Amino acid sequence: MTKQEKVQFVIDTLNELYPEVPIPLDHKDPYTLLIAVLLSAQSTDVKVNQITPLLFEVADNPYKMVQLSVEEIREIIKPVGLSPMKSKGIHGLSQILIDKYNGEVPASLEALEELPAVGHKTASVVIAQAFNIPAFPVDTHIHRLMYRWNLTNGKNVKQTEKDAKRLFPEDHWNKLHLQIIWYGRQYSPARGWNLDKDIITKTIGRKSVIVQYLAKKK
């Protein structure tokens, strides 16, 4: 298969498996999505979805959020990990949204990346999922799969994102990034991976990854 045929195979397979893709984090607007994505760093979506209802019950917009102290926010979000940094970030960015953007989340990657505790990946997710602006947020799932599929030699998520944007058509980015996350969890996880169930890696995967997998199975 040519590189282009491989890319098409990935798109076709994922569209077949996931014609509709739900956003894994529960939210109701750009602000609650931003907070949920920020909380999901080094945590699981399941854990975040358990905690956000408790937080949003008390404060589901920046005006209510800044009425809480950093300590109060931290107390609620503690189970998701990194709570000291995240609680400061949530309080700080909420204040900036009020002061600078009339309490609204800006639909700009650059503006989002300037907010405390908001990195490139978080900003990309919000841009893609809240505003439907093409972006390709790369998390560890996507990074692992793009490498397994021999579509990147990326040593880091930055390089993998560059390769993904170069290979996949822009109008597919927002859906694809979610499809790959779901596929990674279901068929191509980091642990407990079964190559027989992983049709994409089995068909187009990097030779060295497959050889290594088969050697371990012996």
Protein backbone atom coordinates (compact mmCIF):
# COMPACT_ATOMS: atom_id res chain seq x y z
CA MET A 1 0.00 0.00 0.00
CA THR A 2 1.13 3.54 -0.69
CA LYS A 3 1.13 6.06 2.17
CA GLN A 4 -2.03 7.61 0.68
CA GLU A 5 -3.79 4.25 0.49
CA LYS A 6 -2.87 3.59 4.12
CA VAL A 7 -4.32 6.95 5.14
CA GLN A 8 -7.52 6.16 3.23
CA PHE A 9 -7.69 2.71 4.85
CA VAL A 10 -7.49 4.35 8.31
CA ILE A 11 -10.24 6.87 7.44
CA ASP A 12 -12.53 4.20 5.93
CA THR A 13 -12.04 1.74 8.81
CA LEU A 14 -12.67 4.38 11.48
CA ASN A 15 -15.76 5.72 9.68
CA GLU A 16 -17.13 2.20 9.54
CA LEU A 17 -16.47 1.56 13.24
CA TYR A 18 -17.41 5.01 14.50
CA PRO A 19 -19.83 6.76 12.12
CA GLU A 20 -20.81 9.01 15.02
CA VAL A 21 -18.25 9.95 17.67
CA PRO A 22 -19.29 11.19 21.08
CA ILE A 23 -17.02 13.65 22.88
CA PRO A 24 -15.65 11.66 25.85
CA LEU A 25 -15.87 14.55 28.34
CA ASP A 26 -19.29 15.66 29.60
CA HIS A 27 -19.90 19.40 29.15
CA LYS A 28 -22.63 21.82 28.09
CA ASP A 29 -20.75 24.79 26.64
CA PRO A 30 -17.21 25.98 25.75
CA TYR A 31 -16.42 26.97 29.35
CA THR A 32 -17.36 23.63 30.92
CA LEU A 33 -15.50 21.83 28.11
CA LEU A 34 -12.38 23.92 28.73
CA ILE A 35 -12.45 23.07 32.45
CA ALA A 36 -13.10 19.36 31.76
CA VAL A 37 -10.22 19.13 29.26
CA LEU A 38 -7.88 20.94 31.66
CA LEU A 39 -8.83 18.47 34.41
CA SER A 40 -8.25 15.48 32.13
CA ALA A 41 -4.47 16.03 31.94
CA GLN A 42 -2.81 12.92 33.41
CA SER A 43 -6.20 11.63 34.51
CA THR A 44 -8.94 9.53 32.92
CA ASP A 45 -12.09 10.82 31.25
CA VAL A 46 -14.12 8.52 33.50
CA LYS A 47 -12.66 10.14 36.62
CA VAL A 48 -13.15 13.66 35.21
CA ASN A 49 -16.80 12.90 34.35
CA GLN A 50 -17.33 11.85 37.98
CA ILE A 51 -15.89 15.09 39.35
CA THR A 52 -17.16 17.78 36.94
CA PRO A 53 -20.84 17.47 37.96
CA LEU A 54 -19.79 18.25 41.57
CA LEU A 55 -17.75 21.25 40.43
CA PHE A 56 -20.29 22.57 37.91
CA GLU A 57 -23.10 22.26 40.42
CA VAL A 58 -21.30 24.93 42.44
CA ALA A 59 -19.73 26.89 39.57
CA ASP A 60 -20.49 26.33 35.88
CA ASN A 61 -19.33 29.72 34.60
CA PRO A 62 -16.32 31.99 35.26
CA TYR A 63 -18.30 34.46 37.40
CA LYS A 64 -19.33 31.74 39.85
CA MET A 65 -15.91 30.06 39.69
CA VAL A 66 -14.00 33.15 40.87
CA GLN A 67 -16.30 33.37 43.90
CA LEU A 68 -14.71 30.13 45.09
CA SER A 69 -11.25 30.20 46.60
CA VAL A 70 -8.44 28.20 44.99
CA GLU A 71 -8.56 25.98 48.08
CA GLU A 72 -12.30 25.29 47.62
CA ILE A 73 -11.80 24.38 43.95
CA ARG A 74 -8.89 22.14 44.92
CA GLU A 75 -10.97 20.30 47.49
CA ILE A 76 -13.58 19.38 44.83
CA ILE A 77 -11.14 18.36 42.09
CA LYS A 78 -8.61 16.55 44.29
CA PRO A 79 -9.47 13.03 42.98
CA VAL A 80 -8.35 13.88 39.41
CA GLY A 81 -4.73 14.54 40.45
CA LEU A 82 -2.45 17.57 40.02
CA SER A 83 -5.10 19.49 41.95
CA PRO A 84 -2.81 22.29 43.28
CA MET A 85 -1.81 23.36 39.75
CA LYS A 86 -5.23 22.74 38.21
CA SER A 87 -7.18 24.63 40.88
CA LYS A 88 -4.91 27.68 40.49
CA GLY A 89 -5.27 27.44 36.73
CA ILE A 90 -9.07 27.20 36.83
CA HIS A 91 -9.37 30.17 39.16
CA GLY A 92 -6.82 32.21 37.21
CA LEU A 93 -8.23 31.55 33.75
CA SER A 94 -11.78 32.26 34.96
CA GLN A 95 -10.66 35.70 36.15
CA ILE A 96 -8.93 36.39 32.81
CA LEU A 97 -12.06 35.34 30.87
CA ILE A 98 -14.07 37.88 32.90
CA ASP A 99 -11.49 40.68 32.64
CA LYS A 100 -10.52 40.20 29.02
CA TYR A 101 -13.34 38.34 27.23
CA ASN A 102 -16.61 39.31 28.98
CA GLY A 103 -16.75 35.86 30.57
CA GLU A 104 -16.69 34.09 27.18
CA VAL A 105 -14.17 31.48 26.03
CA PRO A 106 -12.24 32.89 23.04
CA ALA A 107 -12.41 30.89 19.80
CA SER A 108 -8.69 31.33 19.15
CA LEU A 109 -5.87 28.88 19.69
CA GLU A 110 -3.41 31.66 20.56
CA ALA A 111 -5.77 33.30 23.07
CA LEU A 112 -6.53 29.96 24.74
CA GLU A 113 -2.85 29.02 25.00
CA GLU A 114 -2.20 32.25 26.93
CA LEU A 115 -4.58 31.16 29.71
CA PRO A 116 -3.00 29.62 32.84
CA ALA A 117 -2.75 25.79 32.86
CA VAL A 118 -3.95 25.61 29.23
CA GLY A 119 -1.44 23.92 26.96
CA HIS A 120 -1.52 23.42 23.20
CA LYS A 121 -3.42 20.12 23.39
CA THR A 122 -6.14 21.51 25.68
CA ALA A 123 -6.53 24.59 23.47
CA SER A 124 -6.73 22.38 20.34
CA VAL A 125 -9.45 20.18 21.86
CA VAL A 126 -11.56 23.22 22.78
CA ILE A 127 -11.09 24.80 19.35
CA ALA A 128 -12.10 21.55 17.62
CA GLN A 129 -14.95 20.41 19.84
CA ALA A 130 -16.49 23.65 21.09
CA PHE A 131 -16.06 25.80 17.98
CA ASN A 132 -15.69 23.23 15.19
CA ILE A 133 -12.49 24.87 13.94
CA PRO A 134 -10.15 22.27 12.38
CA ALA A 135 -7.47 21.12 14.83
CA PHE A 136 -5.73 17.82 15.49
CA PRO A 137 -5.08 17.48 19.23
CA VAL A 138 -2.60 14.65 19.78
CA ASP A 139 -2.71 12.80 23.08
CA THR A 140 -0.78 9.68 24.11
CA HIS A 141 -3.36 7.38 22.41
CA ILE A 142 -3.01 9.12 19.05
CA HIS A 143 0.76 9.38 19.40
CA ARG A 144 1.00 5.63 20.07
CA LEU A 145 -1.33 4.67 17.20
CA MET A 146 0.23 6.95 14.59
CA TYR A 147 3.59 5.34 15.44
CA ARG A 148 2.15 1.80 15.38
CA TRP A 149 0.56 2.54 12.00
CA ASN A 150 3.89 3.79 10.63
CA LEU A 151 2.37 7.19 9.84
CA THR A 152 4.89 9.09 11.96
CA ASN A 153 8.40 8.66 13.31
CA GLY A 154 7.50 11.37 15.79
CA LYS A 155 9.55 11.24 18.96
CA ASN A 156 7.01 13.59 20.56
CA VAL A 157 3.37 14.66 20.22
CA LYS A 158 4.39 17.87 18.46
CA GLN A 159 5.95 16.01 15.54
CA THR A 160 3.07 13.50 15.45
CA GLU A 161 0.56 16.35 15.23
CA LYS A 162 2.50 17.84 12.31
CA ASP A 163 2.47 14.50 10.49
CA ALA A 164 -1.24 13.91 11.18
CA LYS A 165 -2.13 17.34 9.79
CA ARG A 166 0.01 16.71 6.72
CA LEU A 167 -1.45 13.25 5.99
CA PHE A 168 -5.14 13.62 6.79
CA PRO A 169 -7.51 16.03 4.99
CA GLU A 170 -8.32 19.07 7.14
CA ASP A 171 -12.09 18.52 7.01
CA HIS A 172 -11.54 15.13 8.70
CA TRP A 173 -9.34 16.33 11.59
CA ASN A 174 -11.94 17.02 14.27
CA LYS A 175 -13.77 13.73 13.81
CA LEU A 176 -10.62 11.67 13.21
CA HIS A 177 -8.90 12.72 16.38
CA LEU A 178 -11.88 11.44 18.39
CA GLN A 179 -12.21 8.28 16.30
CA ILE A 180 -8.54 7.41 16.86
CA ILE A 181 -8.92 7.92 20.63
CA TRP A 182 -11.92 5.56 20.76
CA TYR A 183 -10.15 3.03 18.51
CA GLY A 184 -7.02 3.14 20.66
CA ARG A 185 -8.97 2.44 23.81
CA GLN A 186 -11.02 -0.36 22.26
CA TYR A 187 -8.64 -2.12 19.88
CA SER A 188 -5.09 -0.85 20.34
CA PRO A 189 -4.39 -0.07 23.99
CA ALA A 190 -0.92 0.34 25.48
CA ARG A 191 -1.47 -2.62 27.84
CA GLY A 192 -3.31 -5.86 27.12
CA TRP A 193 -3.05 -5.26 23.37
CA ASN A 194 -4.36 -8.03 21.10
CA LEU A 195 -3.04 -7.59 17.55
CA ASP A 196 -5.67 -9.97 16.12
CA LYS A 197 -8.42 -7.54 17.12
CA ASP A 198 -6.48 -4.50 15.92
CA ILE A 199 -7.36 -4.55 12.20
CA ILE A 200 -5.57 -1.29 11.35
CA THR A 201 -2.20 -2.18 12.91
CA LYS A 202 -2.51 -5.72 11.54
CA THR A 203 -3.01 -4.35 8.02
CA ILE A 204 -0.66 -1.34 7.84
CA GLY A 205 1.37 -1.50 11.06
CA ARG A 206 5.06 -0.78 11.47
CA LYS A 207 7.00 -3.99 10.87
CA SER A 208 9.24 -3.60 13.93
CA VAL A 209 6.21 -3.12 16.23
CA ILE A 210 4.52 -6.26 14.87
CA VAL A 211 7.75 -8.32 15.07
CA GLN A 212 8.24 -7.19 18.68
CA TYR A 213 4.63 -8.08 19.53
CA LEU A 214 4.91 -11.55 17.98
CA ALA A 215 8.25 -12.21 19.75
CA LYS A 216 6.61 -11.43 23.11
CA LYS A 217 3.73 -13.83 22.33
CA LYS A 218 6.08 -16.80 21.87
